[in-house]
Protein backbone atom coordinates (compact mmCIF):
# COMPACT_ATOMS: atom_id res chain seq x y z
CA MET A 1 -90.73 -50.72 10.40
CA ASN A 2 -89.27 -47.30 9.56
CA ASP A 3 -85.72 -46.28 10.56
CA TRP A 4 -86.85 -43.79 13.20
CA TRP A 5 -89.14 -46.26 14.97
CA ARG A 6 -86.41 -48.92 14.79
CA PHE A 7 -84.12 -46.44 16.60
CA VAL A 8 -86.83 -45.72 19.21
CA MET A 9 -87.28 -49.44 19.86
CA GLU A 10 -83.54 -49.99 20.20
CA VAL A 11 -83.04 -47.01 22.55
CA THR A 12 -85.99 -47.95 24.75
CA ASP A 13 -85.16 -51.67 24.77
CA HIS A 14 -88.47 -52.38 22.99
CA ALA A 15 -90.59 -50.74 25.68
CA THR A 16 -94.32 -50.24 25.20
CA GLN A 17 -95.64 -46.91 23.99
CA THR A 18 -97.21 -46.37 27.41
CA SER A 19 -93.88 -46.95 29.13
CA ILE A 20 -92.04 -44.66 26.69
CA ALA A 21 -94.65 -41.94 27.20
CA GLU A 22 -94.35 -42.19 30.99
CA LYS A 23 -90.55 -42.10 31.00
CA SER A 24 -90.04 -39.41 28.34
CA GLY A 25 -93.15 -37.26 28.63
CA ILE A 26 -93.82 -37.65 24.90
CA LYS A 27 -97.55 -38.04 24.25
CA GLN A 28 -98.71 -41.50 23.20
CA PRO A 29 -100.52 -40.31 20.03
CA LEU A 30 -97.21 -38.90 18.78
CA LEU A 31 -95.48 -42.21 19.52
CA SER A 32 -98.22 -43.97 17.57
CA ASP A 33 -97.66 -41.64 14.61
CA TRP A 34 -93.94 -42.47 14.71
CA LYS A 35 -94.65 -46.19 14.82
CA THR A 36 -97.10 -46.16 11.93
CA GLY A 37 -94.87 -43.89 9.87
CA ARG A 38 -97.40 -41.04 9.68
CA ILE A 39 -94.57 -38.93 11.02
CA LYS A 40 -91.39 -40.15 9.39
CA GLN A 41 -89.12 -37.39 10.66
CA PRO A 42 -89.87 -36.19 14.19
CA ASP A 43 -89.07 -32.64 15.20
CA PRO A 44 -85.66 -32.10 16.84
CA SER A 45 -87.14 -31.11 20.20
CA SER A 46 -88.95 -34.47 20.45
CA ILE A 47 -85.72 -36.24 19.56
CA VAL A 48 -83.84 -34.41 22.31
CA THR A 49 -86.64 -35.22 24.78
CA LEU A 50 -86.56 -38.93 23.97
CA THR A 51 -82.79 -39.31 23.88
CA THR A 52 -82.35 -37.36 27.12
CA ALA A 53 -84.91 -39.56 28.89
CA TYR A 54 -83.02 -42.68 27.81
CA GLY A 55 -79.49 -41.36 28.26
CA VAL A 56 -78.56 -41.46 24.59
CA PRO A 57 -76.65 -38.71 22.75
CA TYR A 58 -79.18 -36.53 20.94
CA THR A 59 -76.99 -36.57 17.83
CA ASP A 60 -77.70 -40.30 17.47
CA GLY A 61 -81.41 -39.47 17.33
CA LEU A 62 -80.89 -36.64 14.86
CA VAL A 63 -78.99 -39.02 12.58
CA ALA A 64 -81.62 -41.77 12.92
CA ALA A 65 -84.38 -39.30 12.04
CA GLY A 66 -82.48 -37.97 9.03
CA HIS A 67 -81.89 -34.45 10.35
CA MET A 68 -78.11 -34.83 10.01
CA THR A 69 -75.53 -37.24 8.67
CA GLU A 70 -73.12 -39.26 10.78
CA ASP A 71 -70.30 -37.03 9.49
CA GLN A 72 -72.15 -33.93 10.65
CA ALA A 73 -72.83 -35.52 14.04
CA ALA A 74 -69.13 -36.30 14.42
CA THR A 75 -68.29 -32.61 14.10
CA VAL A 76 -70.57 -31.51 16.93
CA ILE A 77 -68.38 -29.67 19.41
CA GLU A 78 -68.31 -31.49 22.72
CA ARG A 79 -68.80 -29.50 25.89
CA SER A 80 -66.46 -29.58 28.83
CA PRO A 81 -67.54 -32.13 31.47
CA ARG A 82 -67.57 -29.24 33.97
CA SER A 83 -70.38 -27.58 31.97
CA LEU A 84 -72.63 -30.66 32.16
CA THR A 85 -75.23 -31.22 34.83
CA ASN A 86 -74.82 -34.33 36.96
CA SER A 87 -77.67 -35.96 35.05
CA GLN A 88 -76.08 -35.18 31.67
CA LEU A 89 -72.70 -36.43 32.85
CA LEU A 90 -74.21 -39.67 34.15
CA SER A 91 -76.05 -40.13 30.85
CA GLU A 92 -72.79 -39.71 28.94
CA ILE A 93 -70.99 -42.18 31.22
CA ALA A 94 -73.82 -44.71 30.83
CA TRP A 95 -73.73 -44.33 27.04
CA ARG A 96 -69.94 -44.85 26.99
CA ILE A 97 -70.21 -47.94 29.19
CA ARG A 98 -72.89 -49.43 26.92
CA SER A 99 -70.78 -48.78 23.81
CA PHE A 100 -67.43 -49.79 25.35
CA ASP A 101 -65.37 -52.17 23.24
CA ASP A 102 -62.56 -53.63 25.34
CA SER A 103 -60.80 -54.95 22.22
CA GLN A 104 -59.57 -51.37 21.70
CA VAL A 105 -57.81 -51.25 25.07
CA PRO A 106 -54.11 -52.15 24.93
CA PRO A 107 -52.92 -54.91 27.22
CA LEU A 108 -51.51 -53.76 30.55
CA ALA A 109 -47.97 -54.57 29.39
CA ASP A 110 -48.42 -52.04 26.56
CA ALA A 111 -49.61 -49.40 29.02
CA ASP A 112 -46.59 -50.04 31.27
CA ARG A 113 -44.26 -49.85 28.27
CA LEU A 114 -45.78 -46.48 27.30
CA ARG A 115 -45.42 -45.16 30.86
CA LYS A 116 -41.73 -46.12 30.87
CA HIS A 117 -41.21 -44.67 27.40
CA PHE A 118 -42.65 -41.30 28.46
CA GLY A 119 -40.97 -41.37 31.89
CA LEU A 120 -44.24 -41.48 33.82
CA ASP A 121 -44.26 -42.75 37.39
CA THR A 122 -46.60 -45.58 38.28
CA HIS A 123 -46.93 -44.82 42.00
CA VAL A 124 -50.04 -43.40 43.67
CA GLN A 125 -50.17 -39.60 43.99
CA GLN A 126 -52.56 -37.07 45.49
CA GLY A 127 -54.74 -35.50 42.75
CA ASP A 128 -55.82 -31.89 42.52
CA HIS A 129 -59.04 -32.65 44.37
CA GLY A 130 -57.53 -34.77 47.12
CA GLY A 131 -58.51 -38.03 45.46
CA LYS A 132 -55.96 -40.73 44.76
CA HIS A 133 -55.19 -41.82 41.25
CA VAL A 134 -52.47 -43.75 39.47
CA SER A 135 -50.46 -41.65 37.09
């Protein structure tokens, strides 16, 4: 199995070609060419189509297909969340939830210690948009 098809299978949770075609709009003959390795490096527009359909950052697909390195992908300038459509924002949130590693989150005691160190209150305040949040 080639690297690109391995990526496709991982992103789609090993869906069938028919299911992938229906969800992404990518034609089944093209999917077959990817699977057999007749097309080893798909065009960037197909990568964006597939990754968008499955809520995965397109840079991950570009890296998997060999269009860019991981270092190059890391330098892609991120857009402001306000410039994203609701669908794009939800895709980003879903991707972050799937890749979340709670071992990187400091224990609550550490967070409280940091709040005290920086003189931050821990009571509930009204946010800019009328929503409540803990500062």
